[in-house]
Protein backbone atom coordinates (compact mmCIF):
# COMPACT_ATOMS: atom_id res chain seq x y z
CA MET A 1 -57.80 117.63 -71.17
CA ARG A 2 -58.59 120.27 -68.57
CA LEU A 3 -61.92 120.81 -70.58
CA THR A 4 -62.75 117.04 -70.30
CA ILE A 5 -61.92 116.96 -66.53
CA GLY A 6 -64.04 120.09 -65.91
CA LEU A 7 -66.99 118.62 -67.88
CA LEU A 8 -66.78 115.32 -65.99
CA GLY A 9 -66.64 117.19 -62.68
CA GLY A 10 -69.55 119.34 -63.56
CA LEU A 11 -71.60 116.25 -64.74
CA GLY A 12 -70.74 114.45 -61.42
CA MET A 13 -71.93 117.39 -59.40
CA LEU A 14 -75.22 117.61 -61.44
CA LEU A 15 -75.88 113.84 -60.83
CA LEU A 16 -75.19 114.11 -57.12
CA ALA A 17 -77.66 117.17 -56.95
CA LEU A 18 -80.33 115.15 -58.85
CA SER A 19 -79.97 112.11 -56.61
CA ALA A 20 -80.30 114.24 -53.52
CA THR A 21 -83.46 115.94 -54.92
CA GLN A 22 -85.00 112.52 -55.64
CA ALA A 23 -84.12 111.17 -52.21
CA HIS A 24 -86.06 113.94 -50.51
CA HIS A 25 -89.67 114.11 -51.51
CA ALA A 26 -92.87 116.12 -50.66
CA PHE A 27 -95.46 114.54 -48.49
CA SER A 28 -98.01 114.45 -51.11
CA GLY A 29 -95.76 112.52 -53.42
CA GLU A 30 -95.82 109.51 -51.18
CA PHE A 31 -98.40 109.83 -48.43
CA ASP A 32 -102.24 110.37 -48.43
CA SER A 33 -103.47 113.18 -46.21
CA THR A 34 -107.06 111.70 -46.45
CA LYS A 35 -105.90 108.25 -44.89
CA PRO A 36 -104.96 108.82 -41.29
CA ILE A 37 -103.60 105.76 -39.55
CA ASN A 38 -103.32 104.73 -35.85
CA LEU A 39 -100.74 101.94 -35.34
CA ARG A 40 -99.80 100.15 -32.12
CA GLY A 41 -96.86 97.88 -32.15
CA LYS A 42 -93.39 97.07 -30.98
CA VAL A 43 -90.22 98.59 -32.21
CA VAL A 44 -88.19 96.36 -34.58
CA ARG A 45 -85.47 98.91 -35.21
CA MET A 46 -85.04 102.65 -35.64
CA GLU A 47 -82.84 104.02 -38.38
CA TRP A 48 -81.26 107.33 -37.49
CA ILE A 49 -80.41 108.47 -41.10
CA ASN A 50 -80.90 111.64 -43.17
CA PRO A 51 -82.94 113.11 -44.62
CA HIS A 52 -85.59 111.07 -42.60
CA ALA A 53 -85.33 108.73 -39.69
CA TRP A 54 -87.39 105.50 -40.11
CA LEU A 55 -89.08 103.62 -37.33
CA HIS A 56 -89.86 99.89 -38.18
CA LEU A 57 -92.90 98.80 -36.04
CA ALA A 58 -94.20 95.24 -35.75
CA VAL A 59 -98.06 95.57 -35.74
CA VAL A 60 -100.44 92.73 -35.30
CA GLY A 61 -103.09 93.00 -38.12
CA GLU A 62 -106.77 92.24 -37.90
CA ASP A 63 -106.11 88.77 -39.12
CA GLY A 64 -103.79 88.11 -36.14
CA ASN A 65 -100.64 88.10 -38.26
CA GLU A 66 -97.70 90.38 -37.50
CA GLU A 67 -96.69 92.80 -40.12
CA VAL A 68 -93.83 95.32 -40.09
CA TRP A 69 -94.56 98.87 -40.92
CA MET A 70 -91.98 101.59 -41.95
CA ILE A 71 -92.75 104.93 -40.40
CA GLU A 72 -91.10 107.93 -41.81
CA ALA A 73 -90.03 110.52 -39.25
CA GLY A 74 -88.25 113.80 -39.40
CA PRO A 75 -84.50 114.32 -39.61
CA PRO A 76 -82.48 112.79 -36.71
CA GLY A 77 -81.34 116.20 -35.42
CA ALA A 78 -84.95 117.57 -35.28
CA LEU A 79 -86.13 114.44 -33.52
CA VAL A 80 -83.46 114.91 -30.84
CA ARG A 81 -84.38 118.48 -30.44
CA ARG A 82 -88.00 117.47 -29.84
CA GLY A 83 -87.13 115.18 -27.07
CA TRP A 84 -86.39 111.82 -28.88
CA ARG A 85 -83.36 109.73 -27.67
CA LYS A 86 -81.74 106.68 -29.32
CA ASP A 87 -82.37 104.63 -26.09
CA SER A 88 -86.08 105.67 -26.11
CA VAL A 89 -86.72 103.60 -29.24
CA LEU A 90 -85.03 100.38 -28.56
CA PRO A 91 -86.41 97.18 -29.92
CA GLY A 92 -89.33 95.68 -28.16
CA ILE A 93 -90.82 98.82 -26.74
CA GLU A 94 -94.45 99.28 -27.59
CA LEU A 95 -95.47 102.47 -29.27
CA VAL A 96 -98.58 104.10 -30.68
CA VAL A 97 -98.08 106.02 -33.94
CA GLN A 98 -100.47 108.37 -35.51
CA GLY A 99 -99.85 109.37 -39.09
CA TYR A 100 -100.77 109.05 -42.65
CA HIS A 101 -100.73 106.01 -44.79
CA ALA A 102 -98.69 105.64 -48.06
CA ILE A 103 -100.39 106.29 -51.37
CA ASP A 104 -99.39 103.00 -52.74
CA GLY A 105 -101.11 100.96 -49.85
CA THR A 106 -97.96 99.37 -48.61
CA ASN A 107 -97.02 99.05 -44.98
CA LYS A 108 -95.46 102.50 -44.91
CA ALA A 109 -96.66 105.76 -43.29
CA ASN A 110 -95.60 109.20 -42.37
CA GLY A 111 -95.54 109.41 -38.65
CA ARG A 112 -96.98 112.59 -37.00
CA GLU A 113 -97.17 111.79 -33.32
CA VAL A 114 -95.77 108.95 -31.24
CA THR A 115 -96.95 107.93 -27.84
CA PHE A 116 -94.50 106.20 -25.58
CA PRO A 117 -95.30 103.68 -22.83
CA ASP A 118 -94.82 106.22 -20.15
CA GLY A 119 -97.64 108.48 -21.86
CA ARG A 120 -95.07 110.91 -23.36
CA ARG A 121 -96.04 112.13 -26.81
CA LEU A 122 -93.50 113.41 -29.29
CA PHE A 123 -93.96 114.97 -32.71
CA ALA A 124 -92.24 112.70 -35.31
CA GLY A 125 -93.06 114.49 -38.61
CA SER A 126 -91.01 116.87 -40.73
CA SER A 127 -92.21 120.42 -40.79
CA GLY A 128 -92.86 121.99 -44.20
CA THR A 129 -93.24 118.69 -46.14
CA GLY A 130 -96.88 119.44 -47.11
CA ALA A 131 -98.38 117.13 -44.50
CA PRO A 132 -101.69 118.36 -43.08
CA VAL A 133 -101.29 120.95 -40.32
CA ASP A 134 -102.86 119.15 -37.28
CA GLY A 135 -101.37 120.96 -34.38
CA ALA A 136 -98.85 118.32 -33.52
CA ASP A 137 -95.90 120.37 -34.58
CA PRO A 138 -95.71 123.67 -32.57
CA THR A 139 -93.61 125.33 -35.26
CA GLU A 140 -96.49 124.97 -37.91
CA GLN A 141 -98.71 127.96 -38.39
CA GLN A 142 -102.36 127.08 -38.00
């Protein structure tokens, strides 16, 4: 009986570790460093979740239609240390986001730098993910 419980517990821990590994990914597994993007739009919502916060941005496309983009940012704690605040990304605020488009071509991107209406620019990316070193993150080595 103890052996069965031990095996089940060990299996459960292994499954948890595997799911956490798959939830966090390398930049190159999802985003294309050769496809920089520059998006201007209004905040729909901000998800302050780990391992990456997500900024949802309503952008008017070339055809005049609005499309919502999902912008991956760094972990919430890192964003706060860089100057982000929950009340600085409220719905309706217009932002400019520079980043890199998703490999699959969907309306998803990895955000690097965000410019706020007052001209403030904040780094949004995650250090060490394999994203191109572009000088936006002061902790990255050039």
